[in-house]
Amino acid sequence: MEAGITTGVETIVIHFLPDCLGNGLLQLPEAYLLPRLFERAKKGLVIEGEARESVIQLMHDAVHAQNLDRLIILLSILKILAETPEKMSITSGHAFYKSNDLETLRLNKIYDFTLANYKNDIGLQDVAAIANLGITSFCRYFKLMTRKTFNDFLVEVRISHACRLLIEDRLATEVICFECGFNNVSNFYRHFKKVTDMTPLEYKKKYLYKPEVQLA
């Protein structure tokens, strides 16, 4: 997860794969709305009204949640998004590349490889090989499928894990830098500021601050 704040603007990003809870969940009759939601989400979605407010609160809760509570919150968010009529697509169905099962499998392999190796140096040749593509073809493919470069995605994954470690407050910021795959502290600070609009210290103060309670 990533969270950041500017003047009047706050962002929280939750990364997950459609089958992160297992294909069995998507095949349950009770979950029939989820595949529809994921397919529609390829066009981009804007959530409005009460559904929007509910999702905002749940995403704030997710930043501080631990263990199974995070999964429960994710399911609650998906339930709202799947069931609410207060959503509209950003683009037409023709604006995005229509992936088939083979392309979904390839993209999942890329995600799995990245999430398992984000602490290490990942070259384009490494991830292109996972996708069974040349480097140029891979860069074009990933941008087409995700609307971002692979390097941008990798940075987002690393910053997401850095945010979690900062909130846990068990490691020094310099240690977190290398723990999340950045090769130097200045590079880490630059990317962290770009993604969250805060320095690591500002982020820790925002999410670790707890007002004192005084009893009369």
C-alpha atoms as a PDB file:
ATOM      1  CA  MET A   1       0.000   0.000   0.000  1.00  0.00           C
ATOM      2  CA  GLU A   2       1.055   3.525  -0.611  1.00  0.00           C
ATOM      3  CA  ALA A   3      -0.307   6.679   0.877  1.00  0.00           C
ATOM      4  CA  GLY A   4       0.540  10.293   0.234  1.00  0.00           C
ATOM      5  CA  ILE A   5      -0.872  13.757   0.788  1.00  0.00           C
ATOM      6  CA  THR A   6      -0.594  17.120  -0.946  1.00  0.00           C
ATOM      7  CA  THR A   7      -2.664  20.229  -0.388  1.00  0.00           C
ATOM      8  CA  GLY A   8      -6.197  18.884  -0.341  1.00  0.00           C
ATOM      9  CA  VAL A   9      -5.223  15.694  -2.160  1.00  0.00           C
ATOM     10  CA  GLU A  10      -4.624  12.283  -0.627  1.00  0.00           C
ATOM     11  CA  THR A  11      -3.803   9.005  -2.354  1.00  0.00           C
ATOM     12  CA  ILE A  12      -3.859   5.429  -1.106  1.00  0.00           C
ATOM     13  CA  VAL A  13      -2.947   2.611  -3.490  1.00  0.00           C
ATOM     14  CA  ILE A  14      -3.649  -1.081  -2.851  1.00  0.00           C
ATOM     15  CA  HIS A  15      -1.890  -3.562  -5.147  1.00  0.00           C
ATOM     16  CA  PHE A  16      -3.427  -7.006  -5.569  1.00  0.00           C
ATOM     17  CA  LEU A  17      -3.946  -9.615  -8.273  1.00  0.00           C
ATOM     18  CA  PRO A  18      -7.475 -10.753  -9.203  1.00  0.00           C
ATOM     19  CA  ASP A  19      -6.681 -14.303  -8.059  1.00  0.00           C
ATOM     20  CA  CYS A  20      -4.709 -13.297  -4.937  1.00  0.00           C
ATOM     21  CA  LEU A  21      -7.265 -15.108  -2.761  1.00  0.00           C
ATOM     22  CA  GLY A  22      -7.295 -18.164  -5.010  1.00  0.00           C
ATOM     23  CA  ASN A  23      -9.208 -19.054  -8.162  1.00  0.00           C
ATOM     24  CA  GLY A  24     -11.649 -20.994  -6.005  1.00  0.00           C
ATOM     25  CA  LEU A  25     -13.084 -17.759  -4.634  1.00  0.00           C
ATOM     26  CA  LEU A  26     -13.865 -16.409  -8.100  1.00  0.00           C
ATOM     27  CA  GLN A  27     -15.624 -19.652  -8.989  1.00  0.00           C
ATOM     28  CA  LEU A  28     -17.998 -19.529  -6.027  1.00  0.00           C
ATOM     29  CA  PRO A  29     -21.574 -18.651  -6.995  1.00  0.00           C
ATOM     30  CA  GLU A  30     -21.621 -16.025  -4.235  1.00  0.00           C
ATOM     31  CA  ALA A  31     -18.697 -14.233  -5.927  1.00  0.00           C
ATOM     32  CA  TYR A  32     -20.127 -14.102  -9.436  1.00  0.00           C
ATOM     33  CA  LEU A  33     -19.961 -10.276  -9.459  1.00  0.00           C
ATOM     34  CA  LEU A  34     -16.174 -10.164  -8.954  1.00  0.00           C
ATOM     35  CA  PRO A  35     -15.094 -11.343 -12.445  1.00  0.00           C
ATOM     36  CA  ARG A  36     -17.491  -8.769 -13.902  1.00  0.00           C
ATOM     37  CA  LEU A  37     -15.963  -6.077 -11.722  1.00  0.00           C
ATOM     38  CA  PHE A  38     -12.388  -6.963 -12.735  1.00  0.00           C
ATOM     39  CA  GLU A  39     -13.329  -6.952 -16.416  1.00  0.00           C
ATOM     40  CA  ARG A  40     -15.067  -3.596 -16.158  1.00  0.00           C
ATOM     41  CA  ALA A  41     -12.163  -2.163 -14.150  1.00  0.00           C
ATOM     42  CA  LYS A  42      -9.941  -2.525 -17.243  1.00  0.00           C
ATOM     43  CA  LYS A  43     -11.723   0.563 -18.575  1.00  0.00           C
ATOM     44  CA  GLY A  44     -11.082   2.493 -15.348  1.00  0.00           C
ATOM     45  CA  LEU A  45     -13.818   3.251 -12.825  1.00  0.00           C
ATOM     46  CA  VAL A  46     -15.036   6.350 -11.024  1.00  0.00           C
ATOM     47  CA  ILE A  47     -16.907   5.624  -7.783  1.00  0.00           C
ATOM     48  CA  GLU A  48     -19.432   8.160  -6.532  1.00  0.00           C
ATOM     49  CA  GLY A  49     -21.910   8.798  -3.721  1.00  0.00           C
ATOM     50  CA  GLU A  50     -22.106   6.715  -0.552  1.00  0.00           C
ATOM     51  CA  ALA A  51     -20.051   3.924  -2.133  1.00  0.00           C
ATOM     52  CA  ARG A  52     -17.167   6.347  -2.619  1.00  0.00           C
ATOM     53  CA  GLU A  53     -17.251   7.475   1.010  1.00  0.00           C
ATOM     54  CA  SER A  54     -17.377   3.875   2.242  1.00  0.00           C
ATOM     55  CA  VAL A  55     -14.408   2.840   0.112  1.00  0.00           C
ATOM     56  CA  ILE A  56     -12.387   5.877   1.231  1.00  0.00           C
ATOM     57  CA  GLN A  57     -12.912   4.947   4.891  1.00  0.00           C
ATOM     58  CA  LEU A  58     -12.009   1.305   4.284  1.00  0.00           C
ATOM     59  CA  MET A  59      -8.813   2.272   2.441  1.00  0.00           C
ATOM     60  CA  HIS A  60      -7.795   4.472   5.356  1.00  0.00           C
ATOM     61  CA  ASP A  61      -8.482   1.547   7.690  1.00  0.00           C
ATOM     62  CA  ALA A  62      -6.362  -0.734   5.478  1.00  0.00           C
ATOM     63  CA  VAL A  63      -3.276   1.449   5.971  1.00  0.00           C
ATOM     64  CA  HIS A  64      -3.189   0.536   9.664  1.00  0.00           C
ATOM     65  CA  ALA A  65      -4.733  -2.932   9.527  1.00  0.00           C
ATOM     66  CA  GLN A  66      -2.706  -6.066  10.224  1.00  0.00           C
ATOM     67  CA  ASN A  67      -2.869  -9.735   9.252  1.00  0.00           C
ATOM     68  CA  LEU A  68      -6.349 -11.071   8.402  1.00  0.00           C
ATOM     69  CA  ASP A  69      -7.940  -7.663   8.932  1.00  0.00           C
ATOM     70  CA  ARG A  70      -6.286  -6.514   5.702  1.00  0.00           C
ATOM     71  CA  LEU A  71      -7.898  -9.325   3.736  1.00  0.00           C
ATOM     72  CA  ILE A  72     -11.277  -8.643   5.332  1.00  0.00           C
ATOM     73  CA  ILE A  73     -11.026  -4.979   4.352  1.00  0.00           C
ATOM     74  CA  LEU A  74     -10.012  -5.897   0.790  1.00  0.00           C
ATOM     75  CA  LEU A  75     -13.053  -8.171   0.472  1.00  0.00           C
ATOM     76  CA  SER A  76     -15.280  -5.431   1.902  1.00  0.00           C
ATOM     77  CA  ILE A  77     -13.978  -2.963  -0.688  1.00  0.00           C
ATOM     78  CA  LEU A  78     -14.505  -5.444  -3.523  1.00  0.00           C
ATOM     79  CA  LYS A  79     -18.045  -6.152  -2.292  1.00  0.00           C
ATOM     80  CA  ILE A  80     -18.940  -2.461  -2.384  1.00  0.00           C
ATOM     81  CA  LEU A  81     -17.349  -1.934  -5.807  1.00  0.00           C
ATOM     82  CA  ALA A  82     -19.013  -5.024  -7.259  1.00  0.00           C
ATOM     83  CA  GLU A  83     -22.501  -4.277  -5.948  1.00  0.00           C
ATOM     84  CA  THR A  84     -22.789  -0.508  -6.131  1.00  0.00           C
ATOM     85  CA  PRO A  85     -24.593   1.134  -9.063  1.00  0.00           C
ATOM     86  CA  GLU A  86     -22.685   4.336  -8.201  1.00  0.00           C
ATOM     87  CA  LYS A  87     -19.808   3.676 -10.576  1.00  0.00           C
ATOM     88  CA  MET A  88     -19.072   4.611 -14.168  1.00  0.00           C
ATOM     89  CA  SER A  89     -16.379   3.656 -16.667  1.00  0.00           C
ATOM     90  CA  ILE A  90     -13.712   6.210 -17.514  1.00  0.00           C
ATOM     91  CA  THR A  91     -13.283   5.098 -21.124  1.00  0.00           C
ATOM     92  CA  SER A  92     -15.115   3.139 -23.751  1.00  0.00           C
ATOM     93  CA  GLY A  93     -14.502  -0.572 -24.104  1.00  0.00           C
ATOM     94  CA  HIS A  94     -12.372   0.038 -27.189  1.00  0.00           C
ATOM     95  CA  ALA A  95      -9.784   2.201 -25.452  1.00  0.00           C
ATOM     96  CA  PHE A  96      -7.984  -0.651 -23.702  1.00  0.00           C
ATOM     97  CA  TYR A  97      -6.308  -3.744 -24.996  1.00  0.00           C
ATOM     98  CA  LYS A  98      -8.650  -6.707 -24.570  1.00  0.00           C
ATOM     99  CA  SER A  99      -6.624  -9.442 -22.931  1.00  0.00           C
ATOM    100  CA  ASN A 100      -7.387 -13.123 -23.152  1.00  0.00           C
ATOM    101  CA  ASP A 101      -6.585 -15.852 -20.629  1.00  0.00           C
ATOM    102  CA  LEU A 102      -3.094 -16.325 -22.066  1.00  0.00           C
ATOM    103  CA  GLU A 103      -2.263 -12.634 -21.667  1.00  0.00           C
ATOM    104  CA  THR A 104      -3.657 -12.610 -18.135  1.00  0.00           C
ATOM    105  CA  LEU A 105      -1.443 -15.562 -17.246  1.00  0.00           C
ATOM    106  CA  ARG A 106       1.602 -13.809 -18.711  1.00  0.00           C
ATOM    107  CA  LEU A 107       0.892 -10.618 -16.784  1.00  0.00           C
ATOM    108  CA  ASN A 108       0.369 -12.567 -13.561  1.00  0.00           C
ATOM    109  CA  LYS A 109       3.777 -14.207 -14.034  1.00  0.00           C
ATOM    110  CA  ILE A 110       5.323 -10.752 -14.364  1.00  0.00           C
ATOM    111  CA  TYR A 111       3.579  -9.557 -11.196  1.00  0.00           C
ATOM    112  CA  ASP A 112       4.524 -12.685  -9.250  1.00  0.00           C
ATOM    113  CA  PHE A 113       8.166 -12.402 -10.317  1.00  0.00           C
ATOM    114  CA  THR A 114       8.282  -8.712  -9.367  1.00  0.00           C
ATOM    115  CA  LEU A 115       6.661  -9.197  -5.961  1.00  0.00           C
ATOM    116  CA  ALA A 116       9.043 -12.067  -5.183  1.00  0.00           C
ATOM    117  CA  ASN A 117      12.187 -10.214  -6.306  1.00  0.00           C
ATOM    118  CA  TYR A 118      11.591  -6.512  -5.712  1.00  0.00           C
ATOM    119  CA  LYS A 119      14.400  -6.453  -3.118  1.00  0.00           C
ATOM    120  CA  ASN A 120      16.911  -7.462  -5.789  1.00  0.00           C
ATOM    121  CA  ASP A 121      18.166  -5.720  -8.898  1.00  0.00           C
ATOM    122  CA  ILE A 122      15.651  -6.569 -11.632  1.00  0.00           C
ATOM    123  CA  GLY A 123      16.842  -5.878 -15.150  1.00  0.00           C
ATOM    124  CA  LEU A 124      14.498  -5.531 -18.081  1.00  0.00           C
ATOM    125  CA  GLN A 125      16.124  -8.574 -19.617  1.00  0.00           C
ATOM    126  CA  ASP A 126      15.144 -10.637 -16.554  1.00  0.00           C
ATOM    127  CA  VAL A 127      11.480  -9.723 -16.543  1.00  0.00           C
ATOM    128  CA  ALA A 128      11.268  -9.805 -20.355  1.00  0.00           C
ATOM    129  CA  ALA A 129      12.466 -13.410 -20.212  1.00  0.00           C
ATOM    130  CA  ILE A 130       9.656 -14.220 -17.763  1.00  0.00           C
ATOM    131  CA  ALA A 131       7.206 -12.844 -20.334  1.00  0.00           C
ATOM    132  CA  ASN A 132       8.998 -14.708 -23.154  1.00  0.00           C
ATOM    133  CA  LEU A 133       9.515 -11.425 -25.023  1.00  0.00           C
ATOM    134  CA  GLY A 134      12.412  -9.334 -26.211  1.00  0.00           C
ATOM    135  CA  ILE A 135      13.174  -6.214 -24.171  1.00  0.00           C
ATOM    136  CA  THR A 136      11.647  -3.766 -26.669  1.00  0.00           C
ATOM    137  CA  SER A 137       8.540  -5.901 -27.151  1.00  0.00           C
ATOM    138  CA  PHE A 138       8.186  -6.356 -23.400  1.00  0.00           C
ATOM    139  CA  CYS A 139       8.334  -2.613 -22.693  1.00  0.00           C
ATOM    140  CA  ARG A 140       5.687  -1.964 -25.321  1.00  0.00           C
ATOM    141  CA  TYR A 141       3.540  -4.856 -24.047  1.00  0.00           C
ATOM    142  CA  PHE A 142       3.694  -3.836 -20.368  1.00  0.00           C
ATOM    143  CA  LYS A 143       2.835  -0.215 -21.163  1.00  0.00           C
ATOM    144  CA  LEU A 144      -0.096  -1.363 -23.293  1.00  0.00           C
ATOM    145  CA  MET A 145      -1.437  -3.654 -20.575  1.00  0.00           C
ATOM    146  CA  THR A 146      -0.892  -1.449 -17.507  1.00  0.00           C
ATOM    147  CA  ARG A 147      -0.615   2.137 -18.791  1.00  0.00           C
ATOM    148  CA  LYS A 148       2.717   2.528 -16.996  1.00  0.00           C
ATOM    149  CA  THR A 149       6.325   1.512 -17.541  1.00  0.00           C
ATOM    150  CA  PHE A 150       7.707  -1.516 -15.759  1.00  0.00           C
ATOM    151  CA  ASN A 151      10.178   0.692 -13.905  1.00  0.00           C
ATOM    152  CA  ASP A 152       7.317   2.840 -12.594  1.00  0.00           C
ATOM    153  CA  PHE A 153       5.509  -0.301 -11.449  1.00  0.00           C
ATOM    154  CA  LEU A 154       8.637  -1.651  -9.741  1.00  0.00           C
ATOM    155  CA  VAL A 155       9.159   1.648  -7.906  1.00  0.00           C
ATOM    156  CA  GLU A 156       5.523   1.624  -6.745  1.00  0.00           C
ATOM    157  CA  VAL A 157       5.910  -1.909  -5.385  1.00  0.00           C
ATOM    158  CA  ARG A 158       9.096  -0.974  -3.524  1.00  0.00           C
ATOM    159  CA  ILE A 159       7.614   2.212  -2.072  1.00  0.00           C
ATOM    160  CA  SER A 160       4.515   0.267  -1.018  1.00  0.00           C
ATOM    161  CA  HIS A 161       6.656  -2.092   1.045  1.00  0.00           C
ATOM    162  CA  ALA A 162       8.670   0.848   2.392  1.00  0.00           C
ATOM    163  CA  CYS A 163       5.444   2.464   3.624  1.00  0.00           C
ATOM    164  CA  ARG A 164       4.506  -0.711   5.464  1.00  0.00           C
ATOM    165  CA  LEU A 165       7.922  -0.945   7.123  1.00  0.00           C
ATOM    166  CA  LEU A 166       7.837   2.725   8.117  1.00  0.00           C
ATOM    167  CA  ILE A 167       4.484   2.233   9.840  1.00  0.00           C
ATOM    168  CA  GLU A 168       5.773  -0.880  11.632  1.00  0.00           C
ATOM    169  CA  ASP A 169       8.584   1.383  12.948  1.00  0.00           C
ATOM    170  CA  ARG A 170      11.051  -1.434  13.642  1.00  0.00           C
ATOM    171  CA  LEU A 171      13.827  -0.462  11.209  1.00  0.00           C
ATOM    172  CA  ALA A 172      15.768   2.723  10.557  1.00  0.00           C
ATOM    173  CA  THR A 173      14.850   4.541   7.357  1.00  0.00           C
ATOM    174  CA  GLU A 174      18.287   3.858   5.878  1.00  0.00           C
ATOM    175  CA  VAL A 175      17.815   0.126   6.486  1.00  0.00           C
ATOM    176  CA  ILE A 176      14.336   0.218   4.928  1.00  0.00           C
ATOM    177  CA  CYS A 177      15.856   1.825   1.855  1.00  0.00           C
ATOM    178  CA  PHE A 178      18.007  -1.223   1.088  1.00  0.00           C
ATOM    179  CA  GLU A 179      15.423  -3.674   2.410  1.00  0.00           C
ATOM    180  CA  CYS A 180      13.051  -2.500  -0.317  1.00  0.00           C
ATOM    181  CA  GLY A 181      15.524  -2.779  -3.174  1.00  0.00           C
ATOM    182  CA  PHE A 182      16.864   0.770  -3.538  1.00  0.00           C
ATOM    183  CA  ASN A 183      20.589   0.986  -4.092  1.00  0.00           C
ATOM    184  CA  ASN A 184      21.191   4.271  -2.278  1.00  0.00           C
ATOM    185  CA  VAL A 185      19.430   6.494   0.222  1.00  0.00           C
ATOM    186  CA  SER A 186      19.159   9.606  -1.963  1.00  0.00           C
ATOM    187  CA  ASN A 187      17.535   7.551  -4.723  1.00  0.00           C
ATOM    188  CA  PHE A 188      15.085   6.120  -2.188  1.00  0.00           C
ATOM    189  CA  TYR A 189      14.163   9.561  -0.841  1.00  0.00           C
ATOM    190  CA  ARG A 190      13.637  10.918  -4.360  1.00  0.00           C
ATOM    191  CA  HIS A 191      11.292   8.094  -5.383  1.00  0.00           C
ATOM    192  CA  PHE A 192       9.453   8.134  -2.038  1.00  0.00           C
ATOM    193  CA  LYS A 193       8.761  11.858  -2.365  1.00  0.00           C
ATOM    194  CA  LYS A 194       7.612  11.413  -5.973  1.00  0.00           C
ATOM    195  CA  VAL A 195       5.160   8.612  -5.130  1.00  0.00           C
ATOM    196  CA  THR A 196       3.775   9.824  -1.790  1.00  0.00           C
ATOM    197  CA  ASP A 197       4.457  13.593  -1.897  1.00  0.00           C
ATOM    198  CA  MET A 198       6.051  13.188   1.529  1.00  0.00           C
ATOM    199  CA  THR A 199       9.472  12.376   2.897  1.00  0.00           C
ATOM    200  CA  PRO A 200       9.784   9.101   4.843  1.00  0.00           C
ATOM    201  CA  LEU A 201       9.956  11.096   8.090  1.00  0.00           C
ATOM    202  CA  GLU A 202       6.805  13.051   7.232  1.00  0.00           C
ATOM    203  CA  TYR A 203       5.067   9.785   6.376  1.00  0.00           C
ATOM    204  CA  LYS A 204       6.023   8.224   9.720  1.00  0.00           C
ATOM    205  CA  LYS A 205       4.849  11.279  11.650  1.00  0.00           C
ATOM    206  CA  LYS A 206       1.526  11.284   9.828  1.00  0.00           C
ATOM    207  CA  TYR A 207       0.704   7.618  10.395  1.00  0.00           C
ATOM    208  CA  LEU A 208       2.419   6.942  13.717  1.00  0.00           C
ATOM    209  CA  TYR A 209       1.194  10.049  15.536  1.00  0.00           C
ATOM    210  CA  LYS A 210      -1.310   9.288  18.255  1.00  0.00           C
ATOM    211  CA  PRO A 211      -2.755  12.157  20.321  1.00  0.00           C
ATOM    212  CA  GLU A 212      -2.214  11.857  24.046  1.00  0.00           C
ATOM    213  CA  VAL A 213      -5.222  11.064  26.175  1.00  0.00           C
ATOM    214  CA  GLN A 214      -5.357  12.834  29.521  1.00  0.00           C
ATOM    215  CA  LEU A 215      -7.705  11.805  32.284  1.00  0.00           C
ATOM    216  CA  ALA A 216      -8.929  14.461  34.706  1.00  0.00           C
END
